Protein backbone atom coordinates (compact mmCIF):
# COMPACT_ATOMS: atom_id res chain seq x y z
CA MET A 1 15.00 1.26 -0.73
CA ARG A 2 14.77 1.97 3.02
CA LEU A 3 13.44 5.44 2.20
CA PHE A 4 10.71 3.94 0.04
CA PHE A 5 9.61 1.50 2.78
CA GLY A 6 9.87 4.33 5.28
CA ILE A 7 7.42 6.39 3.14
CA LEU A 8 5.09 3.35 2.87
CA LEU A 9 5.16 2.93 6.72
CA ALA A 10 4.45 6.65 7.15
CA ILE A 11 1.47 6.49 4.79
CA PHE A 12 0.20 3.39 6.62
CA LEU A 13 0.51 5.04 10.05
CA CYS A 14 -1.26 8.22 8.77
CA LEU A 15 -4.09 6.23 7.30
CA ALA A 16 -4.39 4.10 10.44
CA SER A 17 -4.55 7.10 12.70
CA THR A 18 -7.25 8.94 10.66
CA THR A 19 -9.96 6.38 11.24
CA SER A 20 -12.94 7.96 12.91
CA TYR A 21 -16.45 6.90 13.79
CA GLY A 22 -18.89 6.80 10.98
CA GLN A 23 -16.29 5.80 8.34
CA GLU A 24 -16.96 2.79 6.26
CA ALA A 25 -15.34 -0.52 7.23
CA PRO A 26 -12.33 -1.38 5.16
CA ILE A 27 -12.93 -3.58 2.07
CA CYS A 28 -11.53 -7.06 2.82
CA GLY A 29 -11.41 -10.43 1.12
CA GLU A 30 -9.25 -13.16 -0.32
CA ARG A 31 -5.99 -11.62 -1.69
CA ALA A 32 -6.30 -13.32 -5.10
CA GLU A 33 -9.74 -11.78 -5.65
CA ILE A 34 -8.70 -8.27 -4.49
CA VAL A 35 -5.61 -8.43 -6.73
CA ARG A 36 -7.86 -9.49 -9.67
CA GLN A 37 -10.31 -6.71 -9.11
CA LEU A 38 -7.65 -4.01 -8.75
CA GLU A 39 -6.08 -5.10 -12.00
CA ALA A 40 -9.41 -5.41 -13.87
CA LYS A 41 -10.92 -2.14 -12.62
CA TYR A 42 -7.83 0.12 -12.32
CA GLN A 43 -5.00 -1.84 -14.15
CA GLU A 44 -3.16 -1.72 -10.80
CA VAL A 45 -0.50 -4.26 -10.02
CA PRO A 46 1.69 -4.84 -7.00
CA VAL A 47 4.85 -2.66 -7.11
CA ALA A 48 6.09 -2.84 -3.45
CA LEU A 49 5.59 -4.86 -0.35
CA ALA A 50 6.92 -4.90 3.12
CA PRO A 51 6.40 -7.23 6.08
CA THR A 52 5.27 -5.70 9.30
CA ASN A 53 6.38 -6.63 12.90
CA SER A 54 3.01 -8.23 13.46
CA GLY A 55 3.50 -10.64 10.55
CA SER A 56 1.21 -8.87 8.17
CA VAL A 57 2.29 -7.69 4.68
CA VAL A 58 1.63 -4.28 3.41
CA GLU A 59 1.39 -3.99 -0.48
CA LEU A 60 1.32 -1.01 -2.71
CA PHE A 61 -0.55 -1.37 -6.05
CA THR A 62 -0.29 1.27 -8.74
CA SER A 63 -1.54 1.66 -12.35
CA PRO A 64 1.21 1.85 -14.96
CA ASN A 65 1.20 5.62 -15.25
CA GLY A 66 0.54 6.21 -11.55
CA ALA A 67 -2.93 7.57 -12.14
CA THR A 68 -4.28 5.48 -9.29
CA TRP A 69 -2.85 3.59 -6.25
CA THR A 70 -4.11 1.34 -3.53
CA LEU A 71 -2.53 0.24 -0.23
CA ALA A 72 -3.48 -3.14 1.10
CA VAL A 73 -2.52 -5.18 4.12
CA THR A 74 -2.70 -9.02 4.24
CA THR A 75 -2.83 -10.61 7.69
CA PRO A 76 -1.00 -13.85 8.57
CA LEU A 77 -4.30 -15.63 8.24
CA GLY A 78 -4.55 -14.55 4.61
CA LYS A 79 -7.22 -11.81 4.97
CA THR A 80 -6.50 -8.83 2.70
CA CYS A 81 -7.90 -5.39 3.44
CA LEU A 82 -7.67 -2.11 1.55
CA ILE A 83 -6.48 0.54 3.82
CA GLY A 84 -5.98 3.45 1.33
CA ALA A 85 -6.33 4.48 -2.20
CA GLY A 86 -5.92 7.64 -4.29
CA GLU A 87 -4.71 9.24 -7.47
CA ALA A 88 -1.53 10.65 -8.92
CA TRP A 89 0.99 8.36 -7.31
CA THR A 90 4.46 9.67 -7.74
CA ARG A 91 7.53 7.44 -7.48
CA LEU A 92 10.54 9.06 -5.80
CA VAL A 93 13.99 8.45 -7.00
CA PRO A 94 16.10 7.27 -4.01
CA VAL A 95 18.76 9.76 -2.91
CA VAL A 96 22.24 8.08 -2.63
CA ARG A 97 24.23 9.84 0.01
CA GLY A 98 27.96 9.67 0.23
CA GLU A 99 29.84 8.57 3.40
CA ASP A 100 30.25 12.31 4.38
CA SER A 101 26.50 12.72 4.76
């Protein structure tokens, strides 16, 4: 599970570091409305979440077959912003390592 959240954090940091001038502002709104729209348009539902050190919550939404995915962050004040989206999400199987590793 730590590996999965580590991957989510890596994705978040990569997306956050690639913002450049001229890019569109992130799509933000009330969480309930964003969740409703993701489910209605893409059949995406929340599959993972992780609290951040700043008190925000990062959520991963995917469609049932992984055809599409969306990464969102909700601030402590309740504002939700989409920070990444794409296609072909692949869920990794966690590797269990023995005590020798």
